[in-house]
Amino acid sequence: MEATRQLLQDGRRPPPVTAGGHAMRPLAGKVAVVTDAGAGLGQRIALELGGRGASVLAQGDPRCGGAEETVRRLLAAGGRAVALPADLSRVPECGRLIEACVQAFGGIDILVSSTALGPELPSRPLPPDGYDRVLHTDLRAPYFCAQAAARRMVAQGRGGQILYVGAPRSLGPIPGYGAHSTARGGLHLLTRRLSRELAPHHIRVNCVAPGTNAAPCHPSRFPTEERDPIVPRLPWRRAGLLHDLARVVAFLCTAAAGGITGQVFLISDED
């Protein structure tokens, strides 16, 4: 009881158990690639999938690192995981990412694309190369990663899941998010298009659009929760918790979500 109370105080919950007393592992035997898994939401998703039984390839930005720490935590918990630094703004790296997963684990069942750059500064015009960099990272990389993953999934013949991490700010005009919102809006449309194309191969494609998070992917590029002007306007007066968002992603990767595809889920209490 004391251990359970401590878990709840820490913002975590005990793992679900079966009648036999063992933690449920609905993703046992599955192989997942998680991009931007070195920090923030990407890291939390990788840990959540690994905790539910999946083998995980954690991709990280070579300039930021962090994926190795994610893998260390997964291995310490008894999971199977490898790290791969890769610059996904370069198209060949997207294909290399998927092939590295196949070499490490023999295949791929799940792709979670959570790669994203931060917002622009409203007071500074974004130069063309900066605009291109945002679109290459936030839209082009997810497209070519999905293309490479889908090609492998189709060849395997056992279906699969592709999950994108979008953003609710792509649904409205917010200063400082011009290029980012454009890319994320394209990602939402890409979700619907790919879901139609890949449905005959039993590959599901969905997108989660989290709102203000408690710990963004790269905190140095974002305001802290205390300085974020959005937080005081939220009904809960706090940013979203990453483990709650990661659980939604994990659920969408399971057989329980087998009838869900082509959807964009807004995981937020923002207006």
C-alpha atoms as a PDB file:
ATOM      1  CA  MET A   1       0.000   0.000   0.000  1.00  0.00           C
ATOM      2  CA  GLU A   2       2.809   2.407   0.872  1.00  0.00           C
ATOM      3  CA  ALA A   3       4.534   1.697  -2.451  1.00  0.00           C
ATOM      4  CA  THR A   4       1.304   2.335  -4.324  1.00  0.00           C
ATOM      5  CA  ARG A   5       0.758   5.594  -2.437  1.00  0.00           C
ATOM      6  CA  GLN A   6       4.282   6.725  -3.355  1.00  0.00           C
ATOM      7  CA  LEU A   7       3.679   5.938  -7.029  1.00  0.00           C
ATOM      8  CA  LEU A   8       0.534   8.042  -7.037  1.00  0.00           C
ATOM      9  CA  GLN A   9       2.276  10.919  -5.277  1.00  0.00           C
ATOM     10  CA  ASP A  10       4.973  10.803  -7.968  1.00  0.00           C
ATOM     11  CA  GLY A  11       2.325  11.143 -10.674  1.00  0.00           C
ATOM     12  CA  ARG A  12       2.614   7.507 -11.715  1.00  0.00           C
ATOM     13  CA  ARG A  13       0.302   4.543 -11.392  1.00  0.00           C
ATOM     14  CA  PRO A  14       1.074   0.900 -10.673  1.00  0.00           C
ATOM     15  CA  PRO A  15       1.201  -1.260 -13.813  1.00  0.00           C
ATOM     16  CA  PRO A  16      -1.977  -3.173 -14.613  1.00  0.00           C
ATOM     17  CA  VAL A  17      -1.904  -6.806 -13.529  1.00  0.00           C
ATOM     18  CA  THR A  18      -3.474  -9.961 -14.799  1.00  0.00           C
ATOM     19  CA  ALA A  19      -5.156 -12.606 -12.703  1.00  0.00           C
ATOM     20  CA  GLY A  20      -1.779 -14.290 -12.385  1.00  0.00           C
ATOM     21  CA  GLY A  21      -0.249 -11.173 -10.873  1.00  0.00           C
ATOM     22  CA  HIS A  22       2.086 -10.352 -13.769  1.00  0.00           C
ATOM     23  CA  ALA A  23       2.175  -6.961 -15.420  1.00  0.00           C
ATOM     24  CA  MET A  24       0.319  -6.881 -18.710  1.00  0.00           C
ATOM     25  CA  ARG A  25       2.596  -6.577 -21.739  1.00  0.00           C
ATOM     26  CA  PRO A  26       0.267  -6.016 -24.689  1.00  0.00           C
ATOM     27  CA  LEU A  27       3.183  -5.117 -26.969  1.00  0.00           C
ATOM     28  CA  ALA A  28       5.310  -8.180 -26.206  1.00  0.00           C
ATOM     29  CA  GLY A  29       6.952  -9.408 -29.389  1.00  0.00           C
ATOM     30  CA  LYS A  30       6.469  -6.066 -31.167  1.00  0.00           C
ATOM     31  CA  VAL A  31       9.276  -3.858 -32.433  1.00  0.00           C
ATOM     32  CA  ALA A  32       9.007  -0.067 -32.267  1.00  0.00           C
ATOM     33  CA  VAL A  33      11.011   2.838 -33.648  1.00  0.00           C
ATOM     34  CA  VAL A  34      10.593   6.100 -31.720  1.00  0.00           C
ATOM     35  CA  THR A  35      12.124   9.273 -33.127  1.00  0.00           C
ATOM     36  CA  ASP A  36      13.376  12.144 -30.975  1.00  0.00           C
ATOM     37  CA  ALA A  37      13.533   9.689 -28.075  1.00  0.00           C
ATOM     38  CA  GLY A  38      16.341  11.448 -26.244  1.00  0.00           C
ATOM     39  CA  ALA A  39      14.156  13.708 -24.093  1.00  0.00           C
ATOM     40  CA  GLY A  40      10.645  14.894 -23.330  1.00  0.00           C
ATOM     41  CA  LEU A  41       7.649  13.250 -24.949  1.00  0.00           C
ATOM     42  CA  GLY A  42       9.667  11.080 -27.338  1.00  0.00           C
ATOM     43  CA  GLN A  43      11.619   9.620 -24.444  1.00  0.00           C
ATOM     44  CA  ARG A  44       8.469   9.054 -22.407  1.00  0.00           C
ATOM     45  CA  ILE A  45       6.829   7.253 -25.340  1.00  0.00           C
ATOM     46  CA  ALA A  46       9.870   5.007 -25.790  1.00  0.00           C
ATOM     47  CA  LEU A  47       9.823   4.096 -22.099  1.00  0.00           C
ATOM     48  CA  GLU A  48       6.085   3.453 -22.174  1.00  0.00           C
ATOM     49  CA  LEU A  49       6.284   1.168 -25.206  1.00  0.00           C
ATOM     50  CA  GLY A  50       9.251  -0.676 -23.739  1.00  0.00           C
ATOM     51  CA  GLY A  51       7.416  -1.071 -20.440  1.00  0.00           C
ATOM     52  CA  ARG A  52       4.569  -2.734 -22.309  1.00  0.00           C
ATOM     53  CA  GLY A  53       6.857  -5.292 -23.881  1.00  0.00           C
ATOM     54  CA  ALA A  54       8.037  -3.766 -27.162  1.00  0.00           C
ATOM     55  CA  SER A  55      11.636  -3.839 -28.321  1.00  0.00           C
ATOM     56  CA  VAL A  56      12.621  -0.225 -28.993  1.00  0.00           C
ATOM     57  CA  LEU A  57      14.998   1.553 -31.322  1.00  0.00           C
ATOM     58  CA  ALA A  58      15.410   5.049 -29.857  1.00  0.00           C
ATOM     59  CA  GLN A  59      16.519   7.666 -32.389  1.00  0.00           C
ATOM     60  CA  GLY A  60      18.136  10.841 -31.151  1.00  0.00           C
ATOM     61  CA  ASP A  61      19.490  14.021 -32.701  1.00  0.00           C
ATOM     62  CA  PRO A  62      23.296  13.662 -32.883  1.00  0.00           C
ATOM     63  CA  ARG A  63      23.634  17.273 -31.673  1.00  0.00           C
ATOM     64  CA  CYS A  64      21.484  16.789 -28.581  1.00  0.00           C
ATOM     65  CA  GLY A  65      22.133  13.209 -27.494  1.00  0.00           C
ATOM     66  CA  GLY A  66      19.945  11.593 -24.861  1.00  0.00           C
ATOM     67  CA  ALA A  67      18.852   8.482 -26.753  1.00  0.00           C
ATOM     68  CA  GLU A  68      21.572   6.465 -25.039  1.00  0.00           C
ATOM     69  CA  GLU A  69      20.113   7.394 -21.647  1.00  0.00           C
ATOM     70  CA  THR A  70      16.673   6.286 -22.816  1.00  0.00           C
ATOM     71  CA  VAL A  71      18.130   2.940 -23.858  1.00  0.00           C
ATOM     72  CA  ARG A  72      20.008   2.599 -20.577  1.00  0.00           C
ATOM     73  CA  ARG A  73      16.732   2.998 -18.676  1.00  0.00           C
ATOM     74  CA  LEU A  74      14.962   0.478 -20.903  1.00  0.00           C
ATOM     75  CA  LEU A  75      17.730  -2.090 -20.497  1.00  0.00           C
ATOM     76  CA  ALA A  76      17.819  -1.552 -16.741  1.00  0.00           C
ATOM     77  CA  ALA A  77      14.111  -2.376 -16.646  1.00  0.00           C
ATOM     78  CA  GLY A  78      14.733  -5.654 -18.471  1.00  0.00           C
ATOM     79  CA  GLY A  79      13.747  -4.472 -21.943  1.00  0.00           C
ATOM     80  CA  ARG A  80      15.374  -4.745 -25.355  1.00  0.00           C
ATOM     81  CA  ALA A  81      16.553  -1.470 -26.854  1.00  0.00           C
ATOM     82  CA  VAL A  82      19.202   0.162 -29.019  1.00  0.00           C
ATOM     83  CA  ALA A  83      20.015   3.812 -29.710  1.00  0.00           C
ATOM     84  CA  LEU A  84      20.703   5.384 -33.094  1.00  0.00           C
ATOM     85  CA  PRO A  85      21.871   8.990 -33.559  1.00  0.00           C
ATOM     86  CA  ALA A  86      20.511  10.249 -36.885  1.00  0.00           C
ATOM     87  CA  ASP A  87      19.791  13.591 -38.544  1.00  0.00           C
ATOM     88  CA  LEU A  88      16.329  12.918 -39.969  1.00  0.00           C
ATOM     89  CA  SER A  89      16.281  16.184 -41.907  1.00  0.00           C
ATOM     90  CA  ARG A  90      18.445  14.211 -44.369  1.00  0.00           C
ATOM     91  CA  VAL A  91      16.250  11.791 -46.325  1.00  0.00           C
ATOM     92  CA  PRO A  92      18.793   8.911 -46.520  1.00  0.00           C
ATOM     93  CA  GLU A  93      18.911   8.869 -42.721  1.00  0.00           C
ATOM     94  CA  CYS A  94      15.192   8.039 -42.608  1.00  0.00           C
ATOM     95  CA  GLY A  95      15.764   4.846 -44.546  1.00  0.00           C
ATOM     96  CA  ARG A  96      18.854   4.015 -42.505  1.00  0.00           C
ATOM     97  CA  LEU A  97      16.795   4.345 -39.335  1.00  0.00           C
ATOM     98  CA  ILE A  98      14.309   1.672 -40.396  1.00  0.00           C
ATOM     99  CA  GLU A  99      16.985  -0.667 -41.732  1.00  0.00           C
ATOM    100  CA  ALA A 100      18.923  -0.352 -38.474  1.00  0.00           C
ATOM    101  CA  CYS A 101      15.795  -1.460 -36.623  1.00  0.00           C
ATOM    102  CA  VAL A 102      15.372  -4.473 -38.912  1.00  0.00           C
ATOM    103  CA  GLN A 103      19.006  -5.445 -38.414  1.00  0.00           C
ATOM    104  CA  ALA A 104      18.740  -5.115 -34.639  1.00  0.00           C
ATOM    105  CA  PHE A 105      15.386  -6.814 -34.062  1.00  0.00           C
ATOM    106  CA  GLY A 106      14.439  -8.589 -37.290  1.00  0.00           C
ATOM    107  CA  GLY A 107      11.574  -6.308 -38.332  1.00  0.00           C
ATOM    108  CA  ILE A 108       9.388  -3.346 -37.425  1.00  0.00           C
ATOM    109  CA  ASP A 109       5.795  -3.179 -36.199  1.00  0.00           C
ATOM    110  CA  ILE A 110       5.463   0.372 -34.862  1.00  0.00           C
ATOM    111  CA  LEU A 111       6.797   3.754 -35.938  1.00  0.00           C
ATOM    112  CA  VAL A 112       6.249   6.710 -33.617  1.00  0.00           C
ATOM    113  CA  SER A 113       7.397   9.931 -35.266  1.00  0.00           C
ATOM    114  CA  SER A 114       7.716  12.608 -32.593  1.00  0.00           C
ATOM    115  CA  THR A 115      10.438  14.722 -34.190  1.00  0.00           C
ATOM    116  CA  ALA A 116       9.811  18.470 -33.989  1.00  0.00           C
ATOM    117  CA  LEU A 117      11.646  21.771 -33.807  1.00  0.00           C
ATOM    118  CA  GLY A 118      10.565  24.564 -31.505  1.00  0.00           C
ATOM    119  CA  PRO A 119       8.570  27.679 -32.402  1.00  0.00           C
ATOM    120  CA  GLU A 120      10.059  30.667 -34.142  1.00  0.00           C
ATOM    121  CA  LEU A 121      10.563  33.930 -32.310  1.00  0.00           C
ATOM    122  CA  PRO A 122       7.697  36.333 -33.207  1.00  0.00           C
ATOM    123  CA  SER A 123      10.011  39.341 -33.020  1.00  0.00           C
ATOM    124  CA  ARG A 124      12.441  37.901 -35.600  1.00  0.00           C
ATOM    125  CA  PRO A 125      11.587  37.095 -39.223  1.00  0.00           C
ATOM    126  CA  LEU A 126      12.403  33.473 -40.005  1.00  0.00           C
ATOM    127  CA  PRO A 127      14.973  33.327 -42.835  1.00  0.00           C
ATOM    128  CA  PRO A 128      14.387  30.944 -45.751  1.00  0.00           C
ATOM    129  CA  ASP A 129      16.913  28.396 -44.519  1.00  0.00           C
ATOM    130  CA  GLY A 130      15.272  28.417 -41.079  1.00  0.00           C
ATOM    131  CA  TYR A 131      11.842  27.899 -42.623  1.00  0.00           C
ATOM    132  CA  ASP A 132      13.190  25.034 -44.717  1.00  0.00           C
ATOM    133  CA  ARG A 133      14.810  23.453 -41.671  1.00  0.00           C
ATOM    134  CA  VAL A 134      11.518  23.452 -39.761  1.00  0.00           C
ATOM    135  CA  LEU A 135       9.603  21.893 -42.658  1.00  0.00           C
ATOM    136  CA  HIS A 136      12.345  19.347 -43.333  1.00  0.00           C
ATOM    137  CA  THR A 137      12.314  18.222 -39.698  1.00  0.00           C
ATOM    138  CA  ASP A 138       8.620  18.566 -38.855  1.00  0.00           C
ATOM    139  CA  LEU A 139       7.037  17.346 -42.108  1.00  0.00           C
ATOM    140  CA  ARG A 140       9.489  15.908 -44.610  1.00  0.00           C
ATOM    141  CA  ALA A 141      11.265  13.634 -42.111  1.00  0.00           C
ATOM    142  CA  PRO A 142       7.992  12.111 -40.793  1.00  0.00           C
ATOM    143  CA  TYR A 143       6.891  11.475 -44.384  1.00  0.00           C
ATOM    144  CA  PHE A 144      10.046   9.666 -45.457  1.00  0.00           C
ATOM    145  CA  CYS A 145      10.334   7.740 -42.183  1.00  0.00           C
ATOM    146  CA  ALA A 146       6.774   6.500 -42.707  1.00  0.00           C
ATOM    147  CA  GLN A 147       7.543   5.670 -46.334  1.00  0.00           C
ATOM    148  CA  ALA A 148      10.505   3.506 -45.331  1.00  0.00           C
ATOM    149  CA  ALA A 149       8.622   1.891 -42.439  1.00  0.00           C
ATOM    150  CA  ALA A 150       5.533   1.163 -44.542  1.00  0.00           C
ATOM    151  CA  ARG A 151       7.630  -0.419 -47.275  1.00  0.00           C
ATOM    152  CA  ARG A 152       9.101  -2.816 -44.720  1.00  0.00           C
ATOM    153  CA  MET A 153       5.750  -3.484 -43.036  1.00  0.00           C
ATOM    154  CA  VAL A 154       4.117  -4.336 -46.358  1.00  0.00           C
ATOM    155  CA  ALA A 155       6.959  -6.747 -47.169  1.00  0.00           C
ATOM    156  CA  GLN A 156       6.579  -8.423 -43.771  1.00  0.00           C
ATOM    157  CA  GLY A 157       2.861  -8.958 -44.371  1.00  0.00           C
ATOM    158  CA  ARG A 158       1.776  -8.615 -40.748  1.00  0.00           C
ATOM    159  CA  GLY A 159       0.472  -5.045 -40.693  1.00  0.00           C
ATOM    160  CA  GLY A 160       1.694  -2.350 -38.347  1.00  0.00           C
ATOM    161  CA  GLN A 161       1.093   1.030 -36.758  1.00  0.00           C
ATOM    162  CA  ILE A 162       2.383   4.483 -37.649  1.00  0.00           C
ATOM    163  CA  LEU A 163       1.845   7.212 -35.056  1.00  0.00           C
ATOM    164  CA  TYR A 164       2.561  10.883 -35.615  1.00  0.00           C
ATOM    165  CA  VAL A 165       2.854  13.524 -32.915  1.00  0.00           C
ATOM    166  CA  GLY A 166       1.159  16.675 -34.181  1.00  0.00           C
ATOM    167  CA  ALA A 167       0.211  19.891 -32.420  1.00  0.00           C
ATOM    168  CA  PRO A 168      -3.085  21.680 -31.704  1.00  0.00           C
ATOM    169  CA  ARG A 169      -1.394  24.968 -32.581  1.00  0.00           C
ATOM    170  CA  SER A 170      -1.631  23.899 -36.224  1.00  0.00           C
ATOM    171  CA  LEU A 171      -5.404  24.310 -35.896  1.00  0.00           C
ATOM    172  CA  GLY A 172      -5.306  28.064 -35.293  1.00  0.00           C
ATOM    173  CA  PRO A 173      -3.202  31.208 -35.839  1.00  0.00           C
ATOM    174  CA  ILE A 174      -0.768  31.610 -32.933  1.00  0.00           C
ATOM    175  CA  PRO A 175       2.155  34.078 -33.205  1.00  0.00           C
ATOM    176  CA  GLY A 176       5.553  32.444 -33.394  1.00  0.00           C
ATOM    177  CA  TYR A 177       4.348  29.150 -34.847  1.00  0.00           C
ATOM    178  CA  GLY A 178       4.105  29.955 -38.563  1.00  0.00           C
ATOM    179  CA  ALA A 179       6.421  27.329 -40.043  1.00  0.00           C
ATOM    180  CA  HIS A 180       5.781  24.840 -37.235  1.00  0.00           C
ATOM    181  CA  SER A 181       1.999  25.137 -37.603  1.00  0.00           C
ATOM    182  CA  THR A 182       2.237  24.784 -41.376  1.00  0.00           C
ATOM    183  CA  ALA A 183       4.265  21.598 -41.012  1.00  0.00           C
ATOM    184  CA  ARG A 184       1.997  20.148 -38.341  1.00  0.00           C
ATOM    185  CA  GLY A 185      -1.114  20.958 -40.353  1.00  0.00           C
ATOM    186  CA  GLY A 186       0.432  19.051 -43.243  1.00  0.00           C
ATOM    187  CA  LEU A 187       1.163  16.175 -40.876  1.00  0.00           C
ATOM    188  CA  HIS A 188      -2.504  15.934 -39.910  1.00  0.00           C
ATOM    189  CA  LEU A 189      -3.511  15.703 -43.578  1.00  0.00           C
ATOM    190  CA  LEU A 190      -0.738  13.196 -44.217  1.00  0.00           C
ATOM    191  CA  THR A 191      -2.170  11.019 -41.441  1.00  0.00           C
ATOM    192  CA  ARG A 192      -5.516  10.804 -43.188  1.00  0.00           C
ATOM    193  CA  ARG A 193      -4.007  10.207 -46.625  1.00  0.00           C
ATOM    194  CA  LEU A 194      -1.620   7.461 -45.521  1.00  0.00           C
ATOM    195  CA  SER A 195      -4.349   5.735 -43.527  1.00  0.00           C
ATOM    196  CA  ARG A 196      -6.349   5.265 -46.735  1.00  0.00           C
ATOM    197  CA  GLU A 197      -3.371   4.108 -48.770  1.00  0.00           C
ATOM    198  CA  LEU A 198      -2.074   1.642 -46.185  1.00  0.00           C
ATOM    199  CA  ALA A 199      -5.374   0.230 -44.914  1.00  0.00           C
ATOM    200  CA  PRO A 200      -5.357  -2.662 -47.437  1.00  0.00           C
ATOM    201  CA  HIS A 201      -2.070  -3.764 -45.850  1.00  0.00           C
ATOM    202  CA  HIS A 202      -3.522  -3.618 -42.310  1.00  0.00           C
ATOM    203  CA  ILE A 203      -1.280  -0.692 -41.394  1.00  0.00           C
ATOM    204  CA  ARG A 204      -2.987   1.854 -39.177  1.00  0.00           C
ATOM    205  CA  VAL A 205      -1.956   5.521 -39.212  1.00  0.00           C
ATOM    206  CA  ASN A 206      -3.002   7.943 -36.470  1.00  0.00           C
ATOM    207  CA  CYS A 207      -1.826  11.205 -34.959  1.00  0.00           C
ATOM    208  CA  VAL A 208      -1.920  12.615 -31.443  1.00  0.00           C
ATOM    209  CA  ALA A 209      -1.836  16.394 -31.033  1.00  0.00           C
ATOM    210  CA  PRO A 210      -0.711  17.186 -27.475  1.00  0.00           C
ATOM    211  CA  GLY A 211      -1.154  20.656 -26.056  1.00  0.00           C
ATOM    212  CA  THR A 212       1.150  22.421 -23.601  1.00  0.00           C
ATOM    213  CA  ASN A 213       3.427  19.788 -22.057  1.00  0.00           C
ATOM    214  CA  ALA A 214       5.069  19.757 -18.654  1.00  0.00           C
ATOM    215  CA  ALA A 215       8.455  18.914 -20.184  1.00  0.00           C
ATOM    216  CA  PRO A 216       8.855  19.734 -23.884  1.00  0.00           C
ATOM    217  CA  CYS A 217      11.157  17.710 -26.099  1.00  0.00           C
ATOM    218  CA  HIS A 218      14.036  20.155 -25.720  1.00  0.00           C
ATOM    219  CA  PRO A 219      13.365  22.525 -22.797  1.00  0.00           C
ATOM    220  CA  SER A 220      16.136  24.928 -23.782  1.00  0.00           C
ATOM    221  CA  ARG A 221      14.083  25.935 -26.830  1.00  0.00           C
ATOM    222  CA  PHE A 222      10.835  26.505 -24.936  1.00  0.00           C
ATOM    223  CA  PRO A 223       9.571  28.664 -22.079  1.00  0.00           C
ATOM    224  CA  THR A 224       9.306  26.945 -18.717  1.00  0.00           C
ATOM    225  CA  GLU A 225       5.890  26.090 -17.350  1.00  0.00           C
ATOM    226  CA  GLU A 226       6.114  29.059 -14.963  1.00  0.00           C
ATOM    227  CA  ARG A 227       6.792  31.462 -17.860  1.00  0.00           C
ATOM    228  CA  ASP A 228       4.447  29.908 -20.412  1.00  0.00           C
ATOM    229  CA  PRO A 229       1.549  32.383 -20.833  1.00  0.00           C
ATOM    230  CA  ILE A 230      -0.791  29.558 -21.886  1.00  0.00           C
ATOM    231  CA  VAL A 231      -0.659  27.622 -18.603  1.00  0.00           C
ATOM    232  CA  PRO A 232      -2.684  30.055 -16.422  1.00  0.00           C
ATOM    233  CA  ARG A 233      -5.520  29.895 -18.967  1.00  0.00           C
ATOM    234  CA  LEU A 234      -5.801  26.104 -18.866  1.00  0.00           C
ATOM    235  CA  PRO A 235      -8.694  24.610 -16.845  1.00  0.00           C
ATOM    236  CA  TRP A 236      -6.266  22.511 -14.766  1.00  0.00           C
ATOM    237  CA  ARG A 237      -3.801  25.427 -14.390  1.00  0.00           C
ATOM    238  CA  ARG A 238      -0.924  23.117 -15.273  1.00  0.00           C
ATOM    239  CA  ALA A 239       0.753  21.720 -18.358  1.00  0.00           C
ATOM    240  CA  GLY A 240      -0.065  18.233 -19.547  1.00  0.00           C
ATOM    241  CA  LEU A 241       1.797  15.285 -18.047  1.00  0.00           C
ATOM    242  CA  LEU A 242       3.997  13.391 -20.451  1.00  0.00           C
ATOM    243  CA  HIS A 243       3.130   9.947 -19.126  1.00  0.00           C
ATOM    244  CA  ASP A 244      -0.561  10.604 -19.811  1.00  0.00           C
ATOM    245  CA  LEU A 245       0.226  11.497 -23.416  1.00  0.00           C
ATOM    246  CA  ALA A 246       2.531   8.502 -23.794  1.00  0.00           C
ATOM    247  CA  ARG A 247      -0.207   6.154 -22.587  1.00  0.00           C
ATOM    248  CA  VAL A 248      -2.521   7.372 -25.330  1.00  0.00           C
ATOM    249  CA  VAL A 249       0.179   6.613 -27.897  1.00  0.00           C
ATOM    250  CA  ALA A 250       0.808   3.187 -26.358  1.00  0.00           C
ATOM    251  CA  PHE A 251      -2.899   2.356 -26.443  1.00  0.00           C
ATOM    252  CA  LEU A 252      -3.111   3.256 -30.136  1.00  0.00           C
ATOM    253  CA  CYS A 253      -0.285   0.783 -30.784  1.00  0.00           C
ATOM    254  CA  THR A 254      -2.158  -2.149 -29.236  1.00  0.00           C
ATOM    255  CA  ALA A 255      -4.668  -4.593 -30.686  1.00  0.00           C
ATOM    256  CA  ALA A 256      -7.351  -2.917 -28.550  1.00  0.00           C
ATOM    257  CA  ALA A 257      -7.181   0.054 -30.955  1.00  0.00           C
ATOM    258  CA  GLY A 258      -7.384  -2.175 -34.017  1.00  0.00           C
ATOM    259  CA  GLY A 259     -10.401  -0.347 -35.449  1.00  0.00           C
ATOM    260  CA  ILE A 260      -8.880   3.132 -35.232  1.00  0.00           C
ATOM    261  CA  THR A 261      -7.061   4.677 -38.186  1.00  0.00           C
ATOM    262  CA  GLY A 262      -6.842   8.035 -39.950  1.00  0.00           C
ATOM    263  CA  GLN A 263      -7.626   9.978 -36.769  1.00  0.00           C
ATOM    264  CA  VAL A 264      -6.044  13.057 -35.195  1.00  0.00           C
ATOM    265  CA  PHE A 265      -6.553  13.018 -31.421  1.00  0.00           C
ATOM    266  CA  LEU A 266      -6.393  16.340 -29.595  1.00  0.00           C
ATOM    267  CA  ILE A 267      -4.853  15.515 -26.198  1.00  0.00           C
ATOM    268  CA  SER A 268      -5.304  18.862 -24.511  1.00  0.00           C
ATOM    269  CA  ASP A 269      -7.638  21.008 -22.453  1.00  0.00           C
ATOM    270  CA  GLU A 270      -6.653  24.161 -24.364  1.00  0.00           C
ATOM    271  CA  ASP A 271      -9.270  26.171 -26.228  1.00  0.00           C
END
